Amino acid sequence: MALDGVKNADMTSFQVWPNPTNGILNIEAEGMYTIEIRNVLGQIVLQAEKVETIEISSLENGVYFLIVKLNGKSFITKVVKR
């Protein structure tokens, strides 16, 4: 199980796990945030606000990009759905 996360100098951080996933992504972030999941074509396939888990089992297996918009900044991490 991999734990992906981002932390920058102004202490904005988030973590996403497990990655790769079979369908459930856990998200931990500080503050109010929104989430978009996009496919490799850049199409939004899922959106959510301030959630701790996201169910993506209905998505096809492959690579997706999870975009967390937090404190006026956007952070992107790659997610693999198996």
Protein backbone atom coordinates (compact mmCIF):
# COMPACT_ATOMS: atom_id res chain seq x y z
CA MET A 1 0.00 0.00 0.00
CA ALA A 2 1.35 3.38 -0.98
CA LEU A 3 0.60 6.67 0.70
CA ASP A 4 0.71 9.67 -1.60
CA GLY A 5 0.82 13.13 -0.14
CA VAL A 6 1.82 16.69 -0.71
CA LYS A 7 3.12 19.19 1.79
CA ASN A 8 4.42 22.63 0.91
CA ALA A 9 6.20 25.40 2.76
CA ASP A 10 3.03 27.07 4.05
CA MET A 11 1.98 23.80 5.74
CA THR A 12 -0.90 22.98 3.37
CA SER A 13 -1.04 19.22 3.15
CA PHE A 14 -3.14 16.27 2.10
CA GLN A 15 -2.76 12.51 1.90
CA VAL A 16 -4.47 9.94 -0.32
CA TRP A 17 -4.34 6.18 0.23
CA PRO A 18 -4.28 3.33 -0.81
CA ASN A 19 -2.76 3.89 -4.20
CA PRO A 20 -3.23 1.79 -6.27
CA THR A 21 -6.80 1.14 -5.15
CA ASN A 22 -9.56 -1.34 -5.92
CA GLY A 23 -12.28 1.21 -5.30
CA ILE A 24 -12.01 3.20 -2.06
CA LEU A 25 -9.72 6.19 -1.66
CA ASN A 26 -9.13 7.68 1.78
CA ILE A 27 -8.36 11.39 1.90
CA GLU A 28 -6.94 13.41 4.74
CA ALA A 29 -6.56 17.16 4.37
CA GLU A 30 -6.49 20.25 6.55
CA GLY A 31 -9.20 22.87 6.00
CA MET A 32 -12.00 23.12 3.45
CA TYR A 33 -11.27 21.46 0.15
CA THR A 34 -12.87 20.20 -3.02
CA ILE A 35 -11.86 17.17 -5.05
CA GLU A 36 -12.02 16.39 -8.74
CA ILE A 37 -11.05 13.11 -10.34
CA ARG A 38 -10.18 13.36 -14.03
CA ASN A 39 -9.44 10.67 -16.56
CA VAL A 40 -6.40 10.77 -18.87
CA LEU A 41 -8.43 12.80 -21.39
CA GLY A 42 -8.93 15.52 -18.75
CA GLN A 43 -12.65 14.84 -18.35
CA ILE A 44 -14.08 15.22 -14.85
CA VAL A 45 -15.43 11.82 -13.77
CA LEU A 46 -16.13 12.65 -10.12
CA GLN A 47 -16.40 15.71 -7.86
CA ALA A 48 -16.78 16.00 -4.09
CA GLU A 49 -16.33 18.43 -1.21
CA LYS A 50 -14.68 17.76 2.15
CA VAL A 51 -15.02 13.96 2.16
CA GLU A 52 -12.86 11.40 3.95
CA THR A 53 -13.47 8.59 1.46
CA ILE A 54 -14.28 8.43 -2.23
CA GLU A 55 -15.82 5.39 -3.89
CA ILE A 56 -14.37 4.90 -7.39
CA SER A 57 -15.17 1.22 -7.96
CA SER A 58 -17.59 2.19 -10.76
CA LEU A 59 -14.73 3.72 -12.77
CA GLU A 60 -12.84 1.67 -15.34
CA ASN A 61 -9.42 0.36 -14.32
CA GLY A 62 -6.66 2.77 -15.25
CA VAL A 63 -4.88 5.99 -14.33
CA TYR A 64 -6.74 9.03 -12.99
CA PHE A 65 -5.68 12.41 -11.66
CA LEU A 66 -6.99 13.50 -8.28
CA ILE A 67 -7.05 17.28 -7.95
CA VAL A 68 -7.43 18.72 -4.47
CA LYS A 69 -8.31 22.42 -4.30
CA LEU A 70 -7.25 23.58 -0.86
CA ASN A 71 -6.72 27.09 0.53
CA GLY A 72 -6.79 28.68 -2.92
CA LYS A 73 -4.25 26.24 -4.39
CA SER A 74 -4.59 23.12 -6.52
CA PHE A 75 -2.62 19.94 -5.93
CA ILE A 76 -2.58 17.00 -8.34
CA THR A 77 -1.68 13.38 -7.65
CA LYS A 78 -1.94 10.35 -9.89
CA VAL A 79 -4.26 7.55 -8.75
CA VAL A 80 -4.28 4.03 -10.19
CA LYS A 81 -7.59 2.13 -10.15
CA ARG A 82 -7.22 -1.67 -10.44
